[in-house]
């Protein structure tokens, strides 16, 4: 092990520790490491910034705008309300109506807005029909994760791997390449949820907020509002006593749900974190002012959150544009169209660009505010992932680890290496972030395939699935973090149903991937 390998290895260990401790946003953690690698001469300045011009990364940014356009159109909310029954039925029957549709939407839209739209609606509906919302919110998050495994645009992780493949001169993933493995996994996962969630998930826990106090507040024109803190909330990492929430937002905090704990005393000493759920006493002006703000990921108050008026034609235009984007990106890569339009690469980047711009022109989302709909931290994380991948390859660390994987897999050969790579990627995902997991796993997949002299595609598919399928912890995927506070879930609630989900998806993936993409010698 030479100096460069040791330097990069120590840097990666430091990055993982920093991500687990969550002292800074993932983007600045990865950017710091990339700058250190550049300063040490491990990578060049050109390699450092290469990820910022990658088509996969820019496609993610464009899809944020497309998802926001569909969200603001109100089309998804209209669909979900028609699906939810007006009368009480069994948990399984309600989930059967809801979850497959959620998975279908999340296959083509960013998962976070799908959960942000559906979670308050589902929670309010469950209360009206006398069902426990805790039987639906974790399944809602899991259904979006499963749906994201089915297409190229289902999750940013797939586009990260796609971008890295193109960066290495490989063809990249097509729109429905992942569907061959994603659809069977989604079906199996949804069946597991349908038959086990009623038993594994807790009954609804009563709020600690006193009912008499809530009734007294109603008399004063106030009501209980729950908000989930977004990455743009200005008070993150600060103690509540040092951040005047009442003055800024005109609402009183009565309860904080953080990391599975419900805090009602000494609130001033609580250091606010992204994903925290705050239970507030607020009036109608609060929901009007902040209901559509990027400061809060989600807001629910037992009634409809007012949104800006949207003409009916814009609602259906948004869905039509989404459909055109999906179909266009799918058929645009067929040989027939490539021969007819040799000067234009009609891939997902092309159609996402056109769709986002048309939505802005039609004001389906406010064009003057477009920057606030893009998660810049995710984009910086993705861009830096390319530089970290380059550092692992340039230093020789990726080849060293790939050789270790080959030795450990032993007589199981490429199949055993695939299983080990999947497991390592999954563990990193559960501890840190999905994009960071993909960044670390990609060069390992490339080098491991080279060690066995086989096509790397099975390994790329494995890390796409493993880096996105984080079910066992709230931090494994952002949608889990959103529903944790909304449903007042504890950490163990995710473990009970999430660990079996992780195991099911891993077994199916490791078993099916080599059948669909055989280990072809190259």
Protein backbone atom coordinates (compact mmCIF):
# COMPACT_ATOMS: atom_id res chain seq x y z
CA UNK A 1 0.00 0.00 0.00
CA UNK A 2 1.66 3.21 -1.21
CA UNK A 3 1.21 6.73 0.17
CA UNK A 4 -1.51 7.75 -2.32
CA UNK A 5 -3.66 4.70 -1.51
CA UNK A 6 -3.29 5.28 2.24
CA UNK A 7 -4.04 9.00 1.84
CA UNK A 8 -7.24 8.39 -0.14
CA UNK A 9 -8.34 5.60 2.21
CA UNK A 10 -7.92 7.81 5.29
CA UNK A 11 -9.76 10.61 3.48
CA UNK A 12 -12.71 8.33 2.71
CA UNK A 13 -12.84 7.08 6.30
CA UNK A 14 -12.87 10.68 7.51
CA UNK A 15 -15.67 11.48 5.03
CA UNK A 16 -17.80 8.59 6.28
CA UNK A 17 -17.27 9.61 9.91
CA UNK A 18 -18.24 13.22 9.09
CA UNK A 19 -21.37 12.08 7.25
CA UNK A 20 -22.42 9.79 10.10
CA UNK A 21 -21.88 12.55 12.70
CA UNK A 22 -23.97 14.88 10.51
CA UNK A 23 -22.12 18.02 11.59
CA UNK A 24 -22.23 19.48 8.07
CA UNK A 25 -24.32 18.98 4.94
CA UNK A 26 -23.17 16.05 2.73
CA UNK A 27 -22.33 18.39 -0.14
CA UNK A 28 -19.78 20.43 1.84
CA UNK A 29 -18.30 17.23 3.35
CA UNK A 30 -17.65 15.74 -0.09
CA UNK A 31 -16.48 19.07 -1.50
CA UNK A 32 -13.97 19.41 1.36
CA UNK A 33 -12.56 15.97 0.63
CA UNK A 34 -12.31 16.69 -3.09
CA UNK A 35 -10.39 19.92 -2.41
CA UNK A 36 -8.00 17.99 -0.14
CA UNK A 37 -7.42 15.40 -2.88
CA UNK A 38 -6.74 18.18 -5.41
CA UNK A 39 -4.35 19.98 -3.06
CA UNK A 40 -2.47 16.73 -2.48
CA UNK A 41 -2.13 16.14 -6.22
CA UNK A 42 -4.25 12.98 -6.23
CA UNK A 43 -6.61 14.51 -8.81
CA UNK A 44 -6.23 17.45 -11.19
CA UNK A 45 -8.38 20.62 -11.09
CA UNK A 46 -10.01 19.38 -14.32
CA UNK A 47 -10.99 16.11 -12.61
CA UNK A 48 -12.26 18.04 -9.60
CA UNK A 49 -14.79 20.06 -11.62
CA UNK A 50 -15.65 17.41 -14.24
CA UNK A 51 -18.74 16.29 -12.32
CA UNK A 52 -20.27 19.77 -12.46
CA UNK A 53 -20.65 19.48 -16.24
CA UNK A 54 -21.78 15.85 -16.28
CA UNK A 55 -25.06 15.25 -18.11
CA UNK A 56 -26.31 12.93 -15.37
CA UNK A 57 -25.85 15.59 -12.68
CA UNK A 58 -27.52 18.30 -14.78
CA UNK A 59 -30.37 15.91 -15.60
CA UNK A 60 -31.01 15.53 -11.86
CA UNK A 61 -31.26 19.34 -11.55
CA UNK A 62 -33.73 19.53 -14.45
CA UNK A 63 -35.85 16.73 -13.00
CA UNK A 64 -36.15 18.68 -9.74
CA UNK A 65 -37.90 21.40 -11.77
CA UNK A 66 -40.10 18.90 -13.63
CA UNK A 67 -41.15 17.26 -10.35
CA UNK A 68 -41.90 20.67 -8.85
CA UNK A 69 -44.05 21.55 -11.84
CA UNK A 70 -46.09 18.38 -11.45
CA UNK A 71 -46.33 18.97 -7.69
CA UNK A 72 -47.52 22.57 -8.00
CA UNK A 73 -50.02 21.63 -10.70
CA UNK A 74 -52.02 19.72 -8.08
CA UNK A 75 -52.44 16.74 -10.42
CA UNK A 76 -50.96 14.22 -7.97
CA UNK A 77 -53.13 15.42 -5.09
CA UNK A 78 -56.22 15.08 -7.29
CA UNK A 79 -55.31 11.51 -8.23
CA UNK A 80 -54.56 10.38 -4.68
CA UNK A 81 -57.79 11.84 -3.29
CA UNK A 82 -59.79 9.86 -5.85
CA UNK A 83 -57.96 6.67 -4.83
CA UNK A 84 -58.58 6.98 -1.11
CA UNK A 85 -61.98 5.53 -0.10
CA UNK A 86 -64.50 7.69 1.71
CA UNK A 87 -65.53 4.87 4.01
CA UNK A 88 -63.47 2.82 6.43
CA UNK A 89 -61.91 -0.40 5.10
CA UNK A 90 -59.16 -2.75 6.22
CA UNK A 91 -55.54 -1.57 6.27
CA UNK A 92 -54.62 -4.10 3.57
CA UNK A 93 -57.45 -3.01 1.26
CA UNK A 94 -56.51 0.66 1.61
CA UNK A 95 -52.81 -0.08 1.04
CA UNK A 96 -53.68 -2.14 -2.04
CA UNK A 97 -55.44 0.86 -3.56
CA UNK A 98 -52.72 3.32 -2.60
CA UNK A 99 -49.23 1.80 -2.71
CA UNK A 100 -49.01 0.49 -6.32
CA UNK A 101 -50.05 3.91 -7.63
CA UNK A 102 -47.48 5.62 -5.39
CA UNK A 103 -44.75 3.31 -6.75
CA UNK A 104 -45.84 4.06 -10.33
CA UNK A 105 -45.60 7.82 -9.77
CA UNK A 106 -42.24 7.63 -8.00
CA UNK A 107 -40.77 5.67 -10.92
CA UNK A 108 -40.91 8.91 -12.94
CA UNK A 109 -40.82 11.68 -10.33
CA UNK A 110 -38.43 12.63 -7.57
CA UNK A 111 -39.43 10.58 -4.52
CA UNK A 112 -39.37 13.46 -2.03
CA UNK A 113 -42.18 15.57 -3.56
CA UNK A 114 -44.30 12.43 -3.97
CA UNK A 115 -44.09 11.79 -0.20
CA UNK A 116 -44.44 15.49 0.62
CA UNK A 117 -47.71 15.63 -1.37
CA UNK A 118 -49.17 12.29 -0.30
CA UNK A 119 -48.20 12.08 3.40
CA UNK A 120 -50.42 14.93 4.72
CA UNK A 121 -53.34 13.79 2.56
CA UNK A 122 -53.00 10.18 3.75
CA UNK A 123 -52.60 11.24 7.38
CA UNK A 124 -55.72 13.42 7.29
CA UNK A 125 -57.68 10.74 5.45
CA UNK A 126 -56.69 8.04 7.98
CA UNK A 127 -57.91 10.25 10.82
CA UNK A 128 -61.27 10.83 9.10
CA UNK A 129 -61.98 7.15 8.47
CA UNK A 130 -60.72 5.97 11.86
CA UNK A 131 -57.53 4.17 10.77
CA UNK A 132 -54.06 4.54 12.25
CA UNK A 133 -51.80 6.68 10.03
CA UNK A 134 -48.77 4.74 11.29
CA UNK A 135 -49.94 1.80 9.17
CA UNK A 136 -49.56 3.93 6.03
CA UNK A 137 -46.70 6.44 6.31
CA UNK A 138 -43.71 4.06 6.41
CA UNK A 139 -45.34 1.94 3.64
CA UNK A 140 -45.79 5.18 1.67
CA UNK A 141 -42.07 5.94 1.94
CA UNK A 142 -41.11 2.35 1.06
CA UNK A 143 -43.43 2.34 -1.96
CA UNK A 144 -41.68 5.44 -3.35
CA UNK A 145 -38.26 3.83 -2.82
CA UNK A 146 -39.38 0.65 -4.60
CA UNK A 147 -40.85 2.62 -7.50
CA UNK A 148 -37.60 4.53 -7.87
CA UNK A 149 -35.77 1.26 -8.59
CA UNK A 150 -37.72 0.71 -11.83
CA UNK A 151 -36.47 3.45 -14.17
CA UNK A 152 -33.42 5.52 -14.96
CA UNK A 153 -35.06 8.68 -13.55
CA UNK A 154 -36.67 7.00 -10.53
CA UNK A 155 -33.93 8.23 -8.21
CA UNK A 156 -30.90 10.49 -8.48
CA UNK A 157 -28.65 7.53 -7.64
CA UNK A 158 -29.52 5.82 -10.92
CA UNK A 159 -28.60 8.99 -12.81
CA UNK A 160 -25.32 9.23 -10.86
CA UNK A 161 -24.32 5.72 -11.97
CA UNK A 162 -25.55 6.49 -15.50
CA UNK A 163 -23.43 9.67 -15.59
CA UNK A 164 -20.35 7.83 -14.33
CA UNK A 165 -20.79 5.16 -16.99
CA UNK A 166 -20.92 7.81 -19.73
CA UNK A 167 -17.90 9.51 -18.16
CA UNK A 168 -15.96 6.25 -18.67
CA UNK A 169 -17.02 5.97 -22.30
CA UNK A 170 -19.67 3.31 -21.63
CA UNK A 171 -23.16 3.49 -23.21
CA UNK A 172 -25.00 4.30 -19.98
CA UNK A 173 -28.40 3.06 -18.83
CA UNK A 174 -31.57 3.24 -20.89
CA UNK A 175 -34.89 4.38 -19.42
CA UNK A 176 -36.20 0.92 -18.53
CA UNK A 177 -32.99 -1.11 -18.11
CA UNK A 178 -33.59 -1.23 -14.37
CA UNK A 179 -37.23 -2.33 -14.81
CA UNK A 180 -36.21 -5.95 -15.43
CA UNK A 181 -35.04 -6.21 -11.84
CA UNK A 182 -36.92 -3.26 -10.32
CA UNK A 183 -40.45 -4.44 -11.16
CA UNK A 184 -40.06 -7.94 -9.59
CA UNK A 185 -38.48 -6.33 -6.52
CA UNK A 186 -41.30 -3.78 -6.28
CA UNK A 187 -43.97 -6.47 -6.52
CA UNK A 188 -42.27 -8.60 -3.85
CA UNK A 189 -41.73 -5.58 -1.59
CA UNK A 190 -45.32 -4.39 -1.86
CA UNK A 191 -46.63 -7.89 -1.13
CA UNK A 192 -44.43 -8.03 1.99
CA UNK A 193 -45.80 -4.67 3.14
CA UNK A 194 -49.41 -5.69 2.48
CA UNK A 195 -49.17 -8.90 4.50
CA UNK A 196 -46.93 -7.79 7.37
CA UNK A 197 -47.22 -4.03 7.97
CA UNK A 198 -50.41 -4.27 10.04
CA UNK A 199 -48.58 -6.52 12.51
CA UNK A 200 -45.07 -5.03 12.35
CA UNK A 201 -45.98 -1.35 12.45
CA UNK A 202 -47.19 0.27 15.69
CA UNK A 203 -50.65 1.59 16.41
CA UNK A 204 -50.92 5.36 16.32
CA UNK A 205 -49.28 6.92 19.34
CA UNK A 206 -51.26 9.71 21.00
CA UNK A 207 -49.74 13.17 20.75
CA UNK A 208 -48.26 14.51 23.96
CA UNK A 209 -49.95 17.79 23.22
CA UNK A 210 -52.78 18.16 25.71
CA UNK A 211 -56.25 18.01 24.14
CA UNK A 212 -57.60 20.74 26.43
CA UNK A 213 -54.80 23.05 25.37
CA UNK A 214 -55.56 22.34 21.73
CA UNK A 215 -59.25 23.06 22.29
CA UNK A 216 -58.38 26.32 24.03
CA UNK A 217 -56.18 27.28 21.11
CA UNK A 218 -59.04 26.65 18.65
CA UNK A 219 -61.12 29.21 20.56
CA UNK A 220 -58.35 31.77 19.96
CA UNK A 221 -58.31 31.00 16.24
CA UNK A 222 -55.23 28.80 16.41
CA UNK A 223 -54.76 25.13 15.64
CA UNK A 224 -52.12 22.41 15.70
CA UNK A 225 -49.76 22.44 12.72
CA UNK A 226 -46.95 19.97 12.07
CA UNK A 227 -43.99 21.01 9.92
CA UNK A 228 -40.91 19.07 8.77
CA UNK A 229 -37.72 21.14 8.60
CA UNK A 230 -36.05 21.29 5.19
CA UNK A 231 -32.37 21.85 4.38
CA UNK A 232 -33.12 25.55 3.73
CA UNK A 233 -34.48 26.16 7.24
CA UNK A 234 -32.21 28.93 8.63
CA UNK A 235 -32.09 27.55 12.18
CA UNK A 236 -30.49 24.18 11.45
CA UNK A 237 -27.71 23.14 13.86
CA UNK A 238 -28.73 25.94 16.25
CA UNK A 239 -30.33 25.61 19.66
CA UNK A 240 -33.95 26.68 19.65
CA UNK A 241 -33.31 29.25 22.40
CA UNK A 242 -30.86 31.01 20.06
CA UNK A 243 -33.34 31.07 17.19
CA UNK A 244 -36.45 33.21 17.66
CA UNK A 245 -38.98 30.95 15.90
CA UNK A 246 -41.98 32.87 17.26
CA UNK A 247 -40.75 36.20 15.88
CA UNK A 248 -39.82 34.79 12.46
CA UNK A 249 -42.87 32.62 11.83
CA UNK A 250 -45.55 33.77 14.27
CA UNK A 251 -46.11 30.31 15.76
CA UNK A 252 -45.36 28.64 19.10
CA UNK A 253 -43.44 25.35 19.23
CA UNK A 254 -45.07 22.88 21.61
CA UNK A 255 -43.30 19.66 20.69
CA UNK A 256 -40.24 18.51 18.72
CA UNK A 257 -39.91 15.03 17.21
CA UNK A 258 -36.28 14.28 16.54
CA UNK A 259 -34.60 10.94 15.80
CA UNK A 260 -37.57 8.95 17.04
CA UNK A 261 -37.81 10.90 20.30
CA UNK A 262 -40.66 13.19 21.31
CA UNK A 263 -39.38 16.24 23.19
CA UNK A 264 -41.78 18.45 25.14
CA UNK A 265 -39.53 19.85 27.90
CA UNK A 266 -36.48 22.11 27.76
CA UNK A 267 -37.20 22.83 24.10
CA UNK A 268 -34.77 25.74 24.13
CA UNK A 269 -31.84 23.33 24.51
CA UNK A 270 -32.78 21.27 21.44
CA UNK A 271 -30.45 21.70 18.48
CA UNK A 272 -32.65 21.70 15.38
CA UNK A 273 -31.86 19.19 12.59
CA UNK A 274 -33.08 18.68 9.04
CA UNK A 275 -36.04 16.28 9.11
CA UNK A 276 -37.19 17.31 12.60
CA UNK A 277 -40.95 17.56 12.97
CA UNK A 278 -42.19 20.57 14.95
CA UNK A 279 -45.69 20.58 16.45
CA UNK A 280 -46.86 24.19 16.46
CA UNK A 281 -49.73 26.35 17.60
CA UNK A 282 -50.43 28.65 14.66
CA UNK A 283 -53.20 30.57 12.95
CA UNK A 284 -54.38 30.43 9.34
CA UNK A 285 -51.94 33.16 8.31
CA UNK A 286 -49.04 30.83 9.10
CA UNK A 287 -50.23 28.15 6.67
CA UNK A 288 -50.96 30.74 3.99
CA UNK A 289 -47.51 32.29 4.32
CA UNK A 290 -45.41 29.16 4.71
CA UNK A 291 -47.48 26.32 3.23
CA UNK A 292 -45.56 26.41 -0.05
CA UNK A 293 -42.19 27.49 1.34
CA UNK A 294 -38.91 25.66 0.81
CA UNK A 295 -38.14 26.30 4.50
CA UNK A 296 -40.42 23.38 5.40
CA UNK A 297 -40.41 20.06 3.59
CA UNK A 298 -43.96 19.24 4.57
CA UNK A 299 -46.79 20.82 6.49
CA UNK A 300 -50.03 19.32 7.78
CA UNK A 301 -52.73 20.79 9.98
CA UNK A 302 -55.67 18.41 9.57
CA UNK A 303 -57.02 20.42 6.66
CA UNK A 304 -56.01 21.38 3.13
CA UNK A 305 -52.91 23.55 2.91
CA UNK A 306 -53.72 26.44 0.59
CA UNK A 307 -51.65 26.59 -2.57
CA UNK A 308 -51.52 29.08 -5.37
CA UNK A 309 -54.50 28.83 -7.77
CA UNK A 310 -53.78 26.64 -10.77
CA UNK A 311 -56.02 26.58 -13.86
CA UNK A 312 -57.26 23.13 -14.83
CA UNK A 313 -55.49 23.20 -18.19
CA UNK A 314 -52.11 23.62 -16.45
CA UNK A 315 -52.79 20.57 -14.27
CA UNK A 316 -53.28 18.29 -17.26
CA UNK A 317 -50.57 20.03 -19.30
CA UNK A 318 -48.07 19.19 -16.55
CA UNK A 319 -49.03 15.51 -16.71
CA UNK A 320 -48.96 15.57 -20.53
CA UNK A 321 -45.46 17.08 -20.53
CA UNK A 322 -44.29 14.44 -18.05
CA UNK A 323 -45.71 11.69 -20.28
CA UNK A 324 -44.09 13.16 -23.40
CA UNK A 325 -40.75 13.36 -21.58
CA UNK A 326 -40.91 9.70 -20.54
CA UNK A 327 -42.02 8.40 -23.94
CA UNK A 328 -39.61 10.67 -25.80
CA UNK A 329 -36.60 9.60 -23.74
CA UNK A 330 -37.59 5.95 -24.17
CA UNK A 331 -38.02 5.90 -27.95
CA UNK A 332 -35.43 8.61 -28.64
CA UNK A 333 -32.62 6.14 -28.01
CA UNK A 334 -33.98 3.54 -30.44
CA UNK A 335 -31.78 2.95 -33.53
CA UNK A 336 -34.57 4.20 -35.85
CA UNK A 337 -34.60 7.68 -34.29
CA UNK A 338 -30.83 7.83 -33.90
CA UNK A 339 -30.48 7.20 -37.65
CA UNK A 340 -33.13 9.81 -38.54
CA UNK A 341 -31.69 12.50 -36.23
CA UNK A 342 -27.92 11.85 -36.15
CA UNK A 343 -27.10 15.37 -34.94
CA UNK A 344 -29.37 15.26 -31.88
CA UNK A 345 -29.02 12.87 -28.96
CA UNK A 346 -32.64 12.51 -27.83
CA UNK A 347 -31.97 11.05 -24.40
CA UNK A 348 -33.35 11.89 -20.96
CA UNK A 349 -31.12 14.97 -20.72
CA UNK A 350 -32.63 16.32 -23.96
CA UNK A 351 -36.26 15.78 -23.00
CA UNK A 352 -35.83 16.87 -19.36
CA UNK A 353 -34.28 20.12 -20.60
CA UNK A 354 -37.17 20.78 -22.99
CA UNK A 355 -39.83 19.84 -20.40
CA UNK A 356 -38.35 22.02 -17.64
CA UNK A 357 -38.10 25.06 -19.92
CA UNK A 358 -41.65 24.63 -21.28
CA UNK A 359 -42.99 24.34 -17.72
CA UNK A 360 -41.19 27.57 -16.83
CA UNK A 361 -42.57 29.38 -19.91
CA UNK A 362 -46.11 28.23 -19.09
CA UNK A 363 -45.55 29.23 -15.43
CA UNK A 364 -46.53 25.77 -14.18
CA UNK A 365 -43.92 26.53 -11.53
CA UNK A 366 -42.98 30.18 -10.79
CA UNK A 367 -40.00 30.83 -13.10
CA UNK A 368 -38.66 33.64 -10.90
CA UNK A 369 -38.28 31.18 -8.02
CA UNK A 370 -36.84 28.23 -9.96
CA UNK A 371 -33.59 28.16 -7.98
CA UNK A 372 -35.37 27.34 -4.71
CA UNK A 373 -36.83 24.13 -6.18
CA UNK A 374 -33.40 22.62 -6.84
CA UNK A 375 -31.63 20.78 -4.03
CA UNK A 376 -28.17 22.24 -4.50
CA UNK A 377 -26.64 20.11 -1.78
CA UNK A 378 -27.62 16.95 -3.66
CA UNK A 379 -26.16 18.36 -6.88
CA UNK A 380 -22.85 19.28 -5.19
CA UNK A 381 -22.75 15.82 -3.60
CA UNK A 382 -23.27 14.19 -7.01
CA UNK A 383 -20.69 16.40 -8.75
CA UNK A 384 -18.08 15.70 -6.06
CA UNK A 385 -18.86 11.99 -6.30
CA UNK A 386 -17.25 11.94 -9.74
CA UNK A 387 -14.04 13.44 -8.37
CA UNK A 388 -13.96 10.99 -5.44
CA UNK A 389 -14.42 8.12 -7.87
CA UNK A 390 -11.51 9.46 -9.93
CA UNK A 391 -9.33 9.70 -6.80
CA UNK A 392 -10.06 6.07 -5.90
CA UNK A 393 -9.05 4.96 -9.38
CA UNK A 394 -6.02 7.24 -9.80
CA UNK A 395 -4.54 6.23 -6.45
CA UNK A 396 -5.04 2.50 -7.04
CA UNK A 397 -7.35 2.12 -4.01
CA UNK A 398 -10.26 0.89 -6.13
CA UNK A 399 -8.11 -1.84 -7.71
CA UNK A 400 -6.77 -2.87 -4.27
CA UNK A 401 -10.27 -3.21 -2.79
CA UNK A 402 -11.53 -5.00 -5.92
CA UNK A 403 -8.72 -7.52 -5.58
CA UNK A 404 -9.68 -7.99 -1.91
CA UNK A 405 -13.32 -8.57 -2.92
CA UNK A 406 -12.17 -11.16 -5.45
CA UNK A 407 -10.12 -12.99 -2.80
CA UNK A 408 -12.96 -12.95 -0.26
CA UNK A 409 -15.56 -14.19 -2.74
CA UNK A 410 -13.33 -17.21 -3.36
CA UNK A 411 -15.01 -20.15 -5.07
CA UNK A 412 -18.22 -18.18 -5.54
CA UNK A 413 -16.46 -16.14 -8.21
CA UNK A 414 -18.15 -13.13 -9.84
CA UNK A 415 -21.49 -13.99 -8.21
CA UNK A 416 -19.94 -13.88 -4.74
CA UNK A 417 -18.21 -10.59 -5.57
CA UNK A 418 -21.54 -9.14 -6.72
CA UNK A 419 -23.20 -10.17 -3.45
CA UNK A 420 -20.36 -8.68 -1.37
CA UNK A 421 -20.38 -5.43 -3.35
CA UNK A 422 -24.16 -5.16 -2.92
CA UNK A 423 -23.89 -5.68 0.84
CA UNK A 424 -21.09 -3.11 1.26
CA UNK A 425 -23.05 -0.52 -0.77
CA UNK A 426 -26.20 -1.18 1.27
CA UNK A 427 -24.39 -0.71 4.59
CA UNK A 428 -22.92 2.62 3.43
CA UNK A 429 -26.38 3.74 2.26
CA UNK A 430 -27.96 2.97 5.63
CA UNK A 431 -25.21 4.92 7.42
CA UNK A 432 -24.77 7.95 5.17
CA UNK A 433 -26.43 9.00 1.89
CA UNK A 434 -27.41 7.11 -1.24
CA UNK A 435 -25.39 9.31 -3.61
CA UNK A 436 -22.25 9.01 -1.47
CA UNK A 437 -22.73 5.23 -1.44
CA UNK A 438 -22.95 5.15 -5.24
CA UNK A 439 -19.84 7.35 -5.49
CA UNK A 440 -17.79 4.94 -3.41
CA UNK A 441 -19.19 1.79 -4.99
CA UNK A 442 -18.89 2.72 -8.68
CA UNK A 443 -15.09 2.46 -9.05
CA UNK A 444 -15.22 -0.77 -7.01
CA UNK A 445 -17.80 -2.18 -9.44
CA UNK A 446 -15.66 -1.19 -12.42
CA UNK A 447 -12.45 -2.67 -10.98
CA UNK A 448 -14.15 -5.83 -9.67
CA UNK A 449 -15.55 -6.55 -13.13
CA UNK A 450 -12.04 -6.03 -14.53
CA UNK A 451 -10.61 -8.49 -11.97
CA UNK A 452 -12.99 -11.18 -13.23
CA UNK A 453 -12.73 -9.99 -16.86
CA UNK A 454 -16.53 -9.76 -17.15
CA UNK A 455 -19.09 -7.19 -18.31
CA UNK A 456 -19.47 -4.59 -15.52
CA UNK A 457 -23.22 -4.05 -16.17
CA UNK A 458 -24.41 -6.56 -13.48
CA UNK A 459 -22.26 -4.73 -10.91
CA UNK A 460 -23.59 -1.32 -11.97
CA UNK A 461 -27.17 -2.53 -11.65
CA UNK A 462 -26.38 -3.98 -8.20
CA UNK A 463 -25.05 -0.67 -6.85
CA UNK A 464 -28.05 1.21 -8.32
CA UNK A 465 -30.39 -1.05 -6.34
CA UNK A 466 -28.28 -1.24 -3.17
CA UNK A 467 -27.61 2.51 -2.99
CA UNK A 468 -31.33 3.32 -3.26
CA UNK A 469 -32.95 0.49 -1.31
CA UNK A 470 -32.32 1.75 2.22
CA UNK A 471 -35.27 0.64 4.34
CA UNK A 472 -33.90 -0.22 7.78
CA UNK A 473 -33.08 3.25 9.13
CA UNK A 474 -34.68 6.70 8.87
CA UNK A 475 -31.42 8.17 7.54
CA UNK A 476 -31.13 5.56 4.78
CA UNK A 477 -33.38 7.62 2.53
CA UNK A 478 -34.81 11.15 2.88
CA UNK A 479 -38.42 9.99 2.53
CA UNK A 480 -37.95 7.80 5.62
CA UNK A 481 -36.80 10.87 7.54
CA UNK A 482 -39.87 12.82 6.42
CA UNK A 483 -42.41 10.23 7.57
CA UNK A 484 -40.58 9.47 10.83
CA UNK A 485 -41.74 12.66 12.52
CA UNK A 486 -45.09 12.80 10.72
CA UNK A 487 -45.98 9.35 12.03
CA UNK A 488 -44.22 9.75 15.40
CA UNK A 489 -42.18 6.62 14.61
CA UNK A 490 -39.30 5.32 16.67
CA UNK A 491 -36.03 4.03 15.22
CA UNK A 492 -37.04 0.45 16.06
CA UNK A 493 -40.23 0.78 13.99
CA UNK A 494 -38.08 1.09 10.87
CA UNK A 495 -35.86 -1.80 11.92
CA UNK A 496 -38.77 -4.21 12.43
CA UNK A 497 -40.09 -3.88 8.90
CA UNK A 498 -37.04 -2.40 7.15
CA UNK A 499 -34.50 -5.12 7.92
CA UNK A 500 -36.66 -7.88 6.35
CA UNK A 501 -37.25 -5.54 3.39
CA UNK A 502 -33.49 -5.05 2.97
CA UNK A 503 -32.98 -8.81 3.09
CA UNK A 504 -35.74 -9.55 0.57
CA UNK A 505 -34.47 -6.96 -1.90
CA UNK A 506 -30.85 -8.14 -1.50
CA UNK A 507 -31.72 -11.81 -2.07
CA UNK A 508 -33.84 -11.00 -5.12
CA UNK A 509 -31.24 -8.65 -6.55
CA UNK A 510 -28.26 -10.95 -6.11
CA UNK A 511 -30.31 -13.87 -7.48
CA UNK A 512 -31.93 -12.15 -10.46
CA UNK A 513 -29.25 -9.75 -11.71
CA UNK A 514 -26.88 -12.47 -13.04
CA UNK A 515 -29.83 -14.15 -14.77
CA UNK A 516 -30.91 -10.97 -16.56
CA UNK A 517 -27.37 -9.64 -17.18
CA UNK A 518 -25.09 -12.71 -17.32
CA UNK A 519 -21.41 -12.42 -16.42
CA UNK A 520 -20.21 -12.26 -20.02
CA UNK A 521 -16.44 -12.48 -20.55
CA UNK A 522 -14.98 -9.36 -22.15
